[in-house]
Amino acid sequence: MDYIKELIERYPTLAVCEKDIRAAASAIIDSYKAGGKLIVAGNGGSAADSDHITGELLKSFVKKRKPDQKFLDALSAIDSDTGSYLSDKLQGSLPAIALTNNSALMTASLNDVDGNVLFAQQVMGFGKKSDVFLGISTSGNSKDVIYALAVAKALGVKTVALTGKTGGKCKELADISIVVPENETFKIQELHLPVYHALCLTIEEYFWKE
């Protein structure tokens, strides 16, 4: 199913973003095929969106995502009872990290250095060339997201910005920019959710056909 086409049918105002949404989906799929991961960050409501996105990727979204049989056999070989239990519970997973939950590092950054680098520092540690960094900022001008985008680019990480308004500095920095056509923060956030749902559905559809 073409989930991005379906998204545009439900939200015609997002037609102006279709090319960029498809480009973002392709970039993330290519990253996973290359053994990479998705790294996501944002502030406030966008921090919650970061968690939401990684949750959709780390476990089943709409597909059953049965793990590879070779992996299930390995589990059973370790311990038959445990393997049997886990085989029935575990779901296929795609690596995704939200940079919004490392409280020790984040509070250390706030106290010892500068709160604006708390995402950039984590990108410095996690980022590899095969990865994608997704920065979410309704204004496109959140300093901590901008700095994280800059670090990601310096590391050779593919960058995607999900913004609103004019796209701000994030649009200038990112390789791919999805700028939803709204100006008020809550309205931007209301469009961000269906966009990243369509991205997650498209990615899941690629790796799990059933």
N, C-alpha and C. Protein backbone atom coordinates (compact mmCIF):
# COMPACT_ATOMS: atom_id res chain seq x y z
N MET A 1 0.84 -1.20 0.00
CA MET A 1 0.00 0.00 0.00
C MET A 1 0.88 1.25 0.00
N ASP A 2 0.45 2.25 -0.74
CA ASP A 2 1.18 3.53 -0.77
C ASP A 2 0.62 4.43 0.34
N TYR A 3 1.25 4.37 1.50
CA TYR A 3 0.77 5.12 2.65
C TYR A 3 0.95 6.63 2.49
N ILE A 4 1.92 7.03 1.71
CA ILE A 4 2.13 8.46 1.51
C ILE A 4 1.05 9.03 0.59
N LYS A 5 0.69 8.27 -0.41
CA LYS A 5 -0.43 8.69 -1.27
C LYS A 5 -1.71 8.79 -0.44
N GLU A 6 -1.92 7.80 0.42
CA GLU A 6 -3.11 7.80 1.28
C GLU A 6 -3.09 8.98 2.24
N LEU A 7 -1.89 9.34 2.73
CA LEU A 7 -1.75 10.51 3.60
C LEU A 7 -2.20 11.78 2.88
N ILE A 8 -1.76 11.96 1.65
CA ILE A 8 -2.11 13.16 0.89
C ILE A 8 -3.61 13.21 0.60
N GLU A 9 -4.20 12.05 0.39
CA GLU A 9 -5.65 12.01 0.15
C GLU A 9 -6.42 12.44 1.39
N ARG A 10 -5.91 12.09 2.57
CA ARG A 10 -6.57 12.46 3.82
C ARG A 10 -6.25 13.89 4.24
N TYR A 11 -5.04 14.34 3.90
CA TYR A 11 -4.58 15.69 4.26
C TYR A 11 -4.07 16.39 3.00
N PRO A 12 -4.98 16.87 2.14
CA PRO A 12 -4.57 17.47 0.86
C PRO A 12 -3.58 18.62 1.02
N THR A 13 -3.63 19.31 2.15
CA THR A 13 -2.72 20.44 2.37
C THR A 13 -1.26 19.99 2.39
N LEU A 14 -1.03 18.69 2.65
CA LEU A 14 0.33 18.17 2.71
C LEU A 14 0.89 17.79 1.34
N ALA A 15 0.13 18.03 0.28
CA ALA A 15 0.61 17.71 -1.07
C ALA A 15 1.92 18.41 -1.39
N VAL A 16 2.12 19.60 -0.83
CA VAL A 16 3.35 20.36 -1.08
C VAL A 16 4.58 19.67 -0.45
N CYS A 17 4.33 18.74 0.47
CA CYS A 17 5.42 18.04 1.16
C CYS A 17 5.67 16.64 0.61
N GLU A 18 4.86 16.20 -0.33
CA GLU A 18 4.91 14.80 -0.75
C GLU A 18 6.30 14.37 -1.21
N LYS A 19 6.93 15.16 -2.05
CA LYS A 19 8.26 14.81 -2.57
C LYS A 19 9.26 14.63 -1.43
N ASP A 20 9.21 15.53 -0.45
CA ASP A 20 10.16 15.47 0.66
C ASP A 20 9.85 14.31 1.60
N ILE A 21 8.56 14.01 1.80
CA ILE A 21 8.19 12.87 2.64
C ILE A 21 8.69 11.58 2.00
N ARG A 22 8.52 11.46 0.70
CA ARG A 22 9.00 10.26 0.01
C ARG A 22 10.53 10.16 0.07
N ALA A 23 11.19 11.30 -0.05
CA ALA A 23 12.65 11.30 0.02
C ALA A 23 13.12 10.87 1.41
N ALA A 24 12.43 11.34 2.45
CA ALA A 24 12.78 10.96 3.82
C ALA A 24 12.57 9.47 4.04
N ALA A 25 11.45 8.94 3.55
CA ALA A 25 11.19 7.50 3.69
C ALA A 25 12.27 6.68 3.00
N SER A 26 12.66 7.10 1.81
CA SER A 26 13.70 6.38 1.06
C SER A 26 15.04 6.43 1.78
N ALA A 27 15.36 7.60 2.35
CA ALA A 27 16.63 7.75 3.06
C ALA A 27 16.69 6.84 4.28
N ILE A 28 15.59 6.76 5.02
CA ILE A 28 15.57 5.92 6.22
C ILE A 28 15.61 4.44 5.84
N ILE A 29 14.89 4.06 4.80
CA ILE A 29 14.94 2.67 4.32
C ILE A 29 16.35 2.30 3.88
N ASP A 30 16.99 3.19 3.12
CA ASP A 30 18.36 2.93 2.67
C ASP A 30 19.31 2.79 3.86
N SER A 31 19.08 3.60 4.88
CA SER A 31 19.90 3.51 6.09
C SER A 31 19.77 2.15 6.75
N TYR A 32 18.54 1.68 6.90
CA TYR A 32 18.32 0.39 7.52
C TYR A 32 18.92 -0.74 6.67
N LYS A 33 18.80 -0.63 5.37
CA LYS A 33 19.38 -1.65 4.48
C LYS A 33 20.89 -1.70 4.63
N ALA A 34 21.50 -0.55 4.95
CA ALA A 34 22.95 -0.47 5.11
C ALA A 34 23.40 -0.79 6.54
N GLY A 35 22.47 -1.18 7.39
CA GLY A 35 22.82 -1.50 8.77
C GLY A 35 22.82 -0.31 9.69
N GLY A 36 22.20 0.79 9.27
CA GLY A 36 22.15 1.99 10.08
C GLY A 36 20.95 2.04 11.00
N LYS A 37 20.76 3.22 11.59
CA LYS A 37 19.66 3.41 12.53
C LYS A 37 19.09 4.82 12.36
N LEU A 38 17.95 5.05 12.96
CA LEU A 38 17.34 6.38 12.97
C LEU A 38 17.55 7.01 14.33
N ILE A 39 18.03 8.24 14.34
CA ILE A 39 18.22 9.02 15.56
C ILE A 39 17.27 10.21 15.48
N VAL A 40 16.50 10.44 16.55
CA VAL A 40 15.45 11.47 16.51
C VAL A 40 15.55 12.37 17.72
N ALA A 41 15.30 13.67 17.51
CA ALA A 41 15.31 14.61 18.64
C ALA A 41 14.37 15.78 18.38
N GLY A 42 13.84 16.33 19.47
CA GLY A 42 12.99 17.51 19.40
C GLY A 42 12.67 17.95 20.82
N ASN A 43 12.05 19.10 20.96
CA ASN A 43 11.74 19.69 22.27
C ASN A 43 10.24 19.68 22.54
N GLY A 44 9.86 19.58 23.81
CA GLY A 44 8.45 19.70 24.17
C GLY A 44 7.59 18.66 23.48
N GLY A 45 6.58 19.11 22.77
CA GLY A 45 5.73 18.20 22.02
C GLY A 45 6.52 17.40 21.00
N SER A 46 7.56 18.01 20.46
CA SER A 46 8.42 17.31 19.50
C SER A 46 9.29 16.25 20.17
N ALA A 47 9.55 16.41 21.46
CA ALA A 47 10.23 15.36 22.22
C ALA A 47 9.31 14.15 22.34
N ALA A 48 8.04 14.41 22.62
CA ALA A 48 7.06 13.33 22.68
C ALA A 48 6.92 12.66 21.32
N ASP A 49 6.96 13.45 20.25
CA ASP A 49 6.91 12.89 18.90
C ASP A 49 8.13 12.01 18.63
N SER A 50 9.29 12.41 19.16
CA SER A 50 10.50 11.61 18.98
C SER A 50 10.32 10.22 19.59
N ASP A 51 9.76 10.18 20.81
CA ASP A 51 9.48 8.91 21.46
C ASP A 51 8.45 8.10 20.66
N HIS A 52 7.45 8.78 20.17
CA HIS A 52 6.37 8.13 19.41
C HIS A 52 6.94 7.46 18.16
N ILE A 53 7.78 8.17 17.44
CA ILE A 53 8.37 7.64 16.21
C ILE A 53 9.20 6.40 16.49
N THR A 54 10.08 6.48 17.49
CA THR A 54 10.93 5.33 17.78
C THR A 54 10.11 4.14 18.26
N GLY A 55 9.03 4.42 18.97
CA GLY A 55 8.15 3.33 19.41
C GLY A 55 7.51 2.59 18.26
N GLU A 56 7.15 3.32 17.20
CA GLU A 56 6.52 2.68 16.04
C GLU A 56 7.52 1.81 15.27
N LEU A 57 8.81 2.14 15.38
CA LEU A 57 9.83 1.41 14.63
C LEU A 57 10.42 0.23 15.41
N LEU A 58 10.49 0.36 16.71
CA LEU A 58 11.13 -0.66 17.53
C LEU A 58 10.27 -1.90 17.72
N LYS A 59 8.94 -1.77 17.49
CA LYS A 59 8.05 -2.92 17.57
C LYS A 59 6.99 -2.83 16.48
N SER A 60 6.10 -3.78 16.47
CA SER A 60 5.05 -3.80 15.46
C SER A 60 4.22 -2.53 15.45
N PHE A 61 3.93 -2.03 14.26
CA PHE A 61 3.02 -0.90 14.10
C PHE A 61 1.69 -1.44 13.61
N VAL A 62 1.59 -1.81 12.33
CA VAL A 62 0.36 -2.46 11.85
C VAL A 62 0.63 -3.87 11.32
N LYS A 63 1.89 -4.19 11.10
CA LYS A 63 2.26 -5.53 10.63
C LYS A 63 2.59 -6.44 11.82
N LYS A 64 2.50 -7.74 11.62
CA LYS A 64 2.79 -8.68 12.70
C LYS A 64 4.27 -8.74 13.02
N ARG A 65 5.12 -8.56 12.00
CA ARG A 65 6.57 -8.53 12.16
C ARG A 65 7.14 -9.76 12.87
N LYS A 66 6.86 -10.94 12.37
CA LYS A 66 7.44 -12.14 12.97
C LYS A 66 8.96 -12.10 12.78
N PRO A 67 9.72 -12.31 13.86
CA PRO A 67 11.18 -12.31 13.73
C PRO A 67 11.68 -13.42 12.81
N ASP A 68 12.89 -13.29 12.33
CA ASP A 68 13.52 -14.27 11.46
C ASP A 68 13.59 -15.63 12.15
N GLN A 69 13.27 -16.68 11.42
CA GLN A 69 13.23 -18.02 12.00
C GLN A 69 14.59 -18.45 12.55
N LYS A 70 15.66 -18.03 11.88
CA LYS A 70 17.01 -18.38 12.36
C LYS A 70 17.25 -17.81 13.75
N PHE A 71 16.76 -16.59 13.98
CA PHE A 71 16.89 -15.97 15.31
C PHE A 71 16.04 -16.72 16.33
N LEU A 72 14.82 -17.09 15.95
CA LEU A 72 13.94 -17.82 16.87
C LEU A 72 14.54 -19.19 17.23
N ASP A 73 15.16 -19.84 16.26
CA ASP A 73 15.81 -21.13 16.53
C ASP A 73 16.97 -20.95 17.50
N ALA A 74 17.70 -19.85 17.34
CA ALA A 74 18.82 -19.58 18.25
C ALA A 74 18.33 -19.36 19.67
N LEU A 75 17.19 -18.68 19.82
CA LEU A 75 16.61 -18.49 21.14
C LEU A 75 16.25 -19.83 21.78
N SER A 76 15.62 -20.69 21.00
CA SER A 76 15.22 -22.00 21.52
C SER A 76 16.41 -22.85 21.90
N ALA A 77 17.50 -22.68 21.15
CA ALA A 77 18.71 -23.45 21.44
C ALA A 77 19.35 -23.02 22.76
N ILE A 78 19.17 -21.76 23.13
CA ILE A 78 19.71 -21.25 24.39
C ILE A 78 18.93 -21.81 25.57
N ASP A 79 17.61 -21.79 25.46
CA ASP A 79 16.74 -22.33 26.52
C ASP A 79 15.36 -22.53 25.90
N SER A 80 14.89 -23.76 25.90
CA SER A 80 13.67 -24.08 25.16
C SER A 80 12.44 -23.35 25.71
N ASP A 81 12.31 -23.29 27.04
CA ASP A 81 11.15 -22.63 27.63
C ASP A 81 11.18 -21.13 27.36
N THR A 82 12.35 -20.52 27.59
CA THR A 82 12.50 -19.08 27.33
C THR A 82 12.32 -18.79 25.86
N GLY A 83 12.93 -19.63 25.02
CA GLY A 83 12.81 -19.44 23.58
C GLY A 83 11.38 -19.54 23.11
N SER A 84 10.63 -20.49 23.65
CA SER A 84 9.23 -20.65 23.27
C SER A 84 8.40 -19.43 23.67
N TYR A 85 8.66 -18.92 24.87
CA TYR A 85 7.94 -17.74 25.36
C TYR A 85 8.25 -16.52 24.49
N LEU A 86 9.55 -16.28 24.27
CA LEU A 86 9.96 -15.10 23.50
C LEU A 86 9.53 -15.18 22.04
N SER A 87 9.55 -16.38 21.48
CA SER A 87 9.15 -16.56 20.08
C SER A 87 7.72 -16.12 19.85
N ASP A 88 6.91 -16.26 20.90
CA ASP A 88 5.50 -15.89 20.81
C ASP A 88 5.27 -14.41 21.09
N LYS A 89 6.25 -13.74 21.72
CA LYS A 89 6.05 -12.36 22.16
C LYS A 89 6.84 -11.32 21.36
N LEU A 90 8.06 -11.67 20.97
CA LEU A 90 8.92 -10.68 20.30
C LEU A 90 8.42 -10.35 18.89
N GLN A 91 8.67 -9.11 18.49
CA GLN A 91 8.30 -8.64 17.15
C GLN A 91 9.53 -8.09 16.45
N GLY A 92 9.53 -8.15 15.14
CA GLY A 92 10.64 -7.60 14.37
C GLY A 92 10.86 -6.13 14.72
N SER A 93 12.12 -5.72 14.77
CA SER A 93 12.46 -4.39 15.26
C SER A 93 13.42 -3.67 14.33
N LEU A 94 13.26 -2.37 14.22
CA LEU A 94 14.18 -1.51 13.48
C LEU A 94 14.83 -0.55 14.47
N PRO A 95 16.16 -0.45 14.47
CA PRO A 95 16.85 0.37 15.47
C PRO A 95 16.54 1.85 15.35
N ALA A 96 16.07 2.43 16.43
CA ALA A 96 15.71 3.85 16.46
C ALA A 96 15.95 4.38 17.87
N ILE A 97 16.59 5.53 17.96
CA ILE A 97 16.95 6.12 19.24
C ILE A 97 16.38 7.53 19.35
N ALA A 98 15.62 7.79 20.41
CA ALA A 98 15.18 9.15 20.73
C ALA A 98 16.19 9.75 21.71
N LEU A 99 16.68 10.94 21.40
CA LEU A 99 17.71 11.57 22.23
C LEU A 99 17.11 12.39 23.38
N THR A 100 15.89 12.06 23.77
CA THR A 100 15.15 12.88 24.72
C THR A 100 15.07 12.26 26.12
N ASN A 101 15.71 11.11 26.33
CA ASN A 101 15.48 10.37 27.57
C ASN A 101 16.71 10.07 28.40
N ASN A 102 17.89 10.50 27.95
CA ASN A 102 19.12 10.21 28.70
C ASN A 102 19.31 11.28 29.77
N SER A 103 18.62 11.12 30.88
CA SER A 103 18.55 12.18 31.89
C SER A 103 19.90 12.49 32.52
N ALA A 104 20.73 11.49 32.73
CA ALA A 104 22.04 11.74 33.35
C ALA A 104 22.91 12.61 32.45
N LEU A 105 23.00 12.24 31.18
CA LEU A 105 23.80 13.02 30.23
C LEU A 105 23.21 14.41 30.01
N MET A 106 21.88 14.47 29.90
CA MET A 106 21.23 15.75 29.62
C MET A 106 21.40 16.73 30.78
N THR A 107 21.24 16.24 32.01
CA THR A 107 21.41 17.14 33.15
C THR A 107 22.88 17.51 33.34
N ALA A 108 23.79 16.59 32.98
CA ALA A 108 25.21 16.93 33.03
C ALA A 108 25.53 18.04 32.02
N SER A 109 24.95 17.93 30.83
CA SER A 109 25.16 18.97 29.82
C SER A 109 24.62 20.32 30.30
N LEU A 110 23.45 20.29 30.91
CA LEU A 110 22.84 21.52 31.42
C LEU A 110 23.70 22.14 32.51
N ASN A 111 24.23 21.30 33.39
CA ASN A 111 24.96 21.79 34.55
C ASN A 111 26.41 22.14 34.24
N ASP A 112 27.06 21.32 33.40
CA ASP A 112 28.50 21.45 33.20
C ASP A 112 28.90 22.21 31.94
N VAL A 113 28.04 22.18 30.93
CA VAL A 113 28.45 22.74 29.63
C VAL A 113 27.44 23.78 29.16
N ASP A 114 26.45 23.30 28.41
CA ASP A 114 25.44 24.20 27.82
C ASP A 114 24.29 23.32 27.37
N GLY A 115 23.09 23.62 27.84
CA GLY A 115 21.93 22.81 27.47
C GLY A 115 21.67 22.73 25.99
N ASN A 116 22.15 23.70 25.23
CA ASN A 116 21.91 23.68 23.79
C ASN A 116 22.69 22.62 23.05
N VAL A 117 23.65 21.98 23.73
CA VAL A 117 24.43 20.94 23.06
C VAL A 117 24.02 19.53 23.47
N LEU A 118 22.93 19.39 24.24
CA LEU A 118 22.60 18.08 24.77
C LEU A 118 22.22 17.07 23.69
N PHE A 119 21.62 17.53 22.57
CA PHE A 119 21.36 16.61 21.46
C PHE A 119 22.62 16.41 20.62
N ALA A 120 23.35 17.49 20.38
CA ALA A 120 24.57 17.41 19.58
C ALA A 120 25.57 16.44 20.18
N GLN A 121 25.71 16.46 21.52
CA GLN A 121 26.64 15.56 22.18
C GLN A 121 26.27 14.10 21.95
N GLN A 122 24.98 13.81 22.00
CA GLN A 122 24.53 12.43 21.78
C GLN A 122 24.72 12.01 20.33
N VAL A 123 24.47 12.92 19.40
CA VAL A 123 24.72 12.60 17.99
C VAL A 123 26.20 12.30 17.78
N MET A 124 27.04 13.06 18.47
CA MET A 124 28.49 12.83 18.41
C MET A 124 28.83 11.40 18.82
N GLY A 125 28.14 10.90 19.83
CA GLY A 125 28.42 9.55 20.33
C GLY A 125 27.76 8.44 19.53
N PHE A 126 26.53 8.68 19.08
CA PHE A 126 25.76 7.63 18.41
C PHE A 126 25.92 7.62 16.89
N GLY A 127 26.16 8.78 16.29
CA GLY A 127 26.05 8.93 14.85
C GLY A 127 27.12 8.20 14.04
N LYS A 128 26.66 7.45 13.02
CA LYS A 128 27.54 6.78 12.06
C LYS A 128 27.07 7.16 10.65
N LYS A 129 27.96 7.00 9.68
CA LYS A 129 27.64 7.42 8.31
C LYS A 129 26.42 6.72 7.73
N SER A 130 26.13 5.54 8.21
CA SER A 130 24.98 4.79 7.68
C SER A 130 23.66 5.24 8.29
N ASP A 131 23.69 6.14 9.28
CA ASP A 131 22.49 6.53 10.03
C ASP A 131 21.73 7.68 9.35
N VAL A 132 20.55 7.93 9.89
CA VAL A 132 19.77 9.13 9.55
C VAL A 132 19.44 9.85 10.86
N PHE A 133 19.65 11.15 10.88
CA PHE A 133 19.21 11.96 12.02
C PHE A 133 17.99 12.76 11.61
N LEU A 134 16.91 12.63 12.37
CA LEU A 134 15.67 13.37 12.15
C LEU A 134 15.50 14.40 13.25
N GLY A 135 15.59 15.67 12.90
CA GLY A 135 15.41 16.75 13.85
C GLY A 135 14.03 17.37 13.69
N ILE A 136 13.29 17.45 14.80
CA ILE A 136 11.93 17.98 14.76
C ILE A 136 11.89 19.33 15.47
N SER A 137 11.41 20.35 14.77
CA SER A 137 11.30 21.70 15.34
C SER A 137 10.16 22.41 14.64
N THR A 138 9.14 22.80 15.39
CA THR A 138 7.99 23.44 14.74
C THR A 138 8.38 24.75 14.07
N SER A 139 9.32 25.47 14.65
CA SER A 139 9.77 26.74 14.07
C SER A 139 10.89 26.54 13.06
N GLY A 140 11.63 25.45 13.23
CA GLY A 140 12.82 25.23 12.42
C GLY A 140 14.04 25.96 12.96
N ASN A 141 13.89 26.58 14.13
CA ASN A 141 14.97 27.39 14.69
C ASN A 141 15.39 26.99 16.10
N SER A 142 15.03 25.79 16.53
CA SER A 142 15.44 25.31 17.85
C SER A 142 16.95 25.11 17.85
N LYS A 143 17.65 25.82 18.73
CA LYS A 143 19.11 25.79 18.70
C LYS A 143 19.68 24.39 18.91
N ASP A 144 19.11 23.64 19.87
CA ASP A 144 19.67 22.32 20.14
C ASP A 144 19.50 21.37 18.96
N VAL A 145 18.40 21.54 18.22
CA VAL A 145 18.19 20.72 17.03
C VAL A 145 19.13 21.16 15.91
N ILE A 146 19.31 22.47 15.75
CA ILE A 146 20.23 23.00 14.75
C ILE A 146 21.65 22.48 14.99
N TYR A 147 22.09 22.53 16.24
CA TYR A 147 23.44 22.07 16.55
C TYR A 147 23.58 20.57 16.30
N ALA A 148 22.54 19.82 16.60
CA ALA A 148 22.58 18.38 16.35
C ALA A 148 22.64 18.09 14.85
N LEU A 149 21.90 18.86 14.06
CA LEU A 149 21.95 18.71 12.60
C LEU A 149 23.37 18.98 12.09
N ALA A 150 23.99 20.03 12.63
CA ALA A 150 25.34 20.38 12.18
C ALA A 150 26.33 19.26 12.50
N VAL A 151 26.24 18.69 13.71
CA VAL A 151 27.14 17.60 14.10
C VAL A 151 26.89 16.38 13.21
N ALA A 152 25.62 16.08 12.97
CA ALA A 152 25.28 14.94 12.11
C ALA A 152 25.90 15.10 10.72
N LYS A 153 25.77 16.28 10.15
CA LYS A 153 26.33 16.52 8.82
C LYS A 153 27.85 16.39 8.83
N ALA A 154 28.49 16.88 9.88
CA ALA A 154 29.94 16.78 9.99
C ALA A 154 30.39 15.32 10.08
N LEU A 155 29.55 14.46 10.63
CA LEU A 155 29.86 13.04 10.74
C LEU A 155 29.50 12.26 9.49
N GLY A 156 28.84 12.91 8.54
CA GLY A 156 28.41 12.23 7.33
C GLY A 156 27.09 11.51 7.46
N VAL A 157 26.35 11.84 8.52
CA VAL A 157 25.02 11.26 8.75
C VAL A 157 24.00 11.98 7.88
N LYS A 158 23.11 11.24 7.24
CA LYS A 158 22.02 11.84 6.46
C LYS A 158 21.08 12.58 7.40
N THR A 159 20.64 13.77 7.02
CA THR A 159 19.82 14.57 7.91
C THR A 159 18.46 14.90 7.32
N VAL A 160 17.44 14.81 8.17
CA VAL A 160 16.06 15.14 7.80
C VAL A 160 15.52 16.11 8.84
N ALA A 161 14.87 17.17 8.39
CA ALA A 161 14.21 18.12 9.30
C ALA A 161 12.70 18.02 9.09
N LEU A 162 11.97 18.00 10.20
CA LEU A 162 10.51 18.04 10.18
C LEU A 162 10.10 19.32 10.89
N THR A 163 9.59 20.28 10.13
CA THR A 163 9.35 21.62 10.67
C THR A 163 8.01 22.16 10.19
N GLY A 164 7.82 23.47 10.45
CA GLY A 164 6.67 24.21 9.95
C GLY A 164 7.12 25.62 9.64
N LYS A 165 6.16 26.54 9.53
CA LYS A 165 6.44 27.94 9.22
C LYS A 165 7.30 28.03 7.96
N THR A 166 8.46 28.69 8.02
CA THR A 166 9.34 28.80 6.85
C THR A 166 10.36 27.68 6.78
N GLY A 167 10.43 26.86 7.81
CA GLY A 167 11.45 25.82 7.88
C GLY A 167 12.68 26.26 8.65
N GLY A 168 12.86 27.58 8.75
CA GLY A 168 13.95 28.14 9.56
C GLY A 168 15.33 27.64 9.17
N LYS A 169 16.24 27.71 10.13
CA LYS A 169 17.63 27.28 9.93
C LYS A 169 17.72 25.79 9.68
N CYS A 170 16.81 25.03 10.28
CA CYS A 170 16.83 23.58 10.07
C CYS A 170 16.67 23.23 8.59
N LYS A 171 15.80 23.95 7.91
CA LYS A 171 15.59 23.71 6.48
C LYS A 171 16.88 23.95 5.70
N GLU A 172 17.63 24.96 6.09
CA GLU A 172 18.88 25.28 5.39
C GLU A 172 19.93 24.19 5.60
N LEU A 173 19.95 23.60 6.78
CA LEU A 173 20.99 22.63 7.13
C LEU A 173 20.69 21.21 6.67
N ALA A 174 19.43 20.82 6.72
CA ALA A 174 19.08 19.41 6.49
C ALA A 174 19.20 19.02 5.02
N ASP A 175 19.54 17.75 4.80
CA ASP A 175 19.56 17.22 3.44
C ASP A 175 18.15 17.15 2.86
N ILE A 176 17.21 16.80 3.72
CA ILE A 176 15.79 16.70 3.33
C ILE A 176 14.98 17.47 4.36
N SER A 177 14.09 18.34 3.91
CA SER A 177 13.27 19.14 4.82
C SER A 177 11.79 18.97 4.51
N ILE A 178 11.05 18.51 5.50
CA ILE A 178 9.60 18.41 5.39
C ILE A 178 9.02 19.59 6.17
N VAL A 179 8.52 20.57 5.45
CA VAL A 179 8.00 21.79 6.07
C VAL A 179 6.48 21.81 5.89
N VAL A 180 5.76 21.45 6.95
CA VAL A 180 4.30 21.39 6.82
C VAL A 180 3.74 22.81 6.74
N PRO A 181 2.70 23.01 5.94
CA PRO A 181 2.19 24.36 5.65
C PRO A 181 1.27 24.92 6.73
N GLU A 182 1.83 25.16 7.91
CA GLU A 182 1.11 25.82 8.99
C GLU A 182 2.08 26.74 9.72
N ASN A 183 1.53 27.72 10.47
CA ASN A 183 2.35 28.69 11.18
C ASN A 183 2.20 28.65 12.69
N GLU A 184 1.08 28.17 13.20
CA GLU A 184 0.88 28.08 14.64
C GLU A 184 1.40 26.74 15.14
N THR A 185 2.05 26.77 16.30
CA THR A 185 2.73 25.58 16.80
C THR A 185 1.81 24.37 16.89
N PHE A 186 0.65 24.52 17.48
CA PHE A 186 -0.22 23.35 17.67
C PHE A 186 -0.71 22.81 16.33
N LYS A 187 -0.91 23.69 15.36
CA LYS A 187 -1.35 23.23 14.04
C LYS A 187 -0.23 22.51 13.30
N ILE A 188 0.99 22.99 13.49
CA ILE A 188 2.15 22.30 12.92
C ILE A 188 2.27 20.90 13.51
N GLN A 189 2.14 20.81 14.83
CA GLN A 189 2.23 19.51 15.50
C GLN A 189 1.12 18.56 15.06
N GLU A 190 -0.06 19.12 14.79
CA GLU A 190 -1.17 18.29 14.34
C GLU A 190 -0.89 17.66 12.98
N LEU A 191 -0.08 18.32 12.16
CA LEU A 191 0.29 17.76 10.86
C LEU A 191 1.55 16.89 10.94
N HIS A 192 2.39 17.14 11.92
CA HIS A 192 3.58 16.31 12.06
C HIS A 192 3.21 14.85 12.33
N LEU A 193 2.21 14.62 13.16
CA LEU A 193 1.86 13.25 13.52
C LEU A 193 1.48 12.40 12.31
N PRO A 194 0.54 12.82 11.46
CA PRO A 194 0.23 11.98 10.29
C PRO A 194 1.40 11.83 9.34
N VAL A 195 2.28 12.83 9.28
CA VAL A 195 3.47 12.71 8.42
C VAL A 195 4.37 11.60 8.92
N TYR A 196 4.69 11.61 10.22
CA TYR A 196 5.62 10.57 10.67
C TYR A 196 4.95 9.21 10.79
N HIS A 197 3.64 9.17 10.96
CA HIS A 197 2.95 7.89 10.87
C HIS A 197 3.09 7.31 9.47
N ALA A 198 2.91 8.15 8.46
CA ALA A 198 3.06 7.68 7.08
C ALA A 198 4.48 7.20 6.81
N LEU A 199 5.47 7.91 7.36
CA LEU A 199 6.85 7.47 7.21
C LEU A 199 7.06 6.09 7.85
N CYS A 200 6.59 5.92 9.08
CA CYS A 200 6.77 4.65 9.78
C CYS A 200 6.03 3.51 9.09
N LEU A 201 4.83 3.79 8.59
CA LEU A 201 4.07 2.78 7.87
C LEU A 201 4.77 2.38 6.58
N THR A 202 5.32 3.36 5.88
CA THR A 202 6.03 3.08 4.63
C THR A 202 7.27 2.24 4.88
N ILE A 203 8.00 2.57 5.92
CA ILE A 203 9.21 1.82 6.27
C ILE A 203 8.86 0.39 6.68
N GLU A 204 7.84 0.24 7.52
CA GLU A 204 7.41 -1.08 7.95
C GLU A 204 6.96 -1.91 6.76
N GLU A 205 6.20 -1.31 5.86
CA GLU A 205 5.69 -2.00 4.67
C GLU A 205 6.84 -2.53 3.83
N TYR A 206 7.94 -1.80 3.77
CA TYR A 206 9.08 -2.22 2.95
C TYR A 206 9.72 -3.49 3.53
N PHE A 207 9.86 -3.56 4.84
CA PHE A 207 10.59 -4.67 5.44
C PHE A 207 9.71 -5.83 5.84
N TRP A 208 8.43 -5.60 6.03
CA TRP A 208 7.51 -6.68 6.37
C TRP A 208 6.29 -6.62 5.45
N LYS A 209 6.16 -7.60 4.60
CA LYS A 209 5.07 -7.59 3.62
C LYS A 209 3.77 -8.11 4.23
N GLU A 210 3.89 -8.85 5.34
CA GLU A 210 2.69 -9.42 5.96
C GLU A 210 2.53 -8.90 7.39
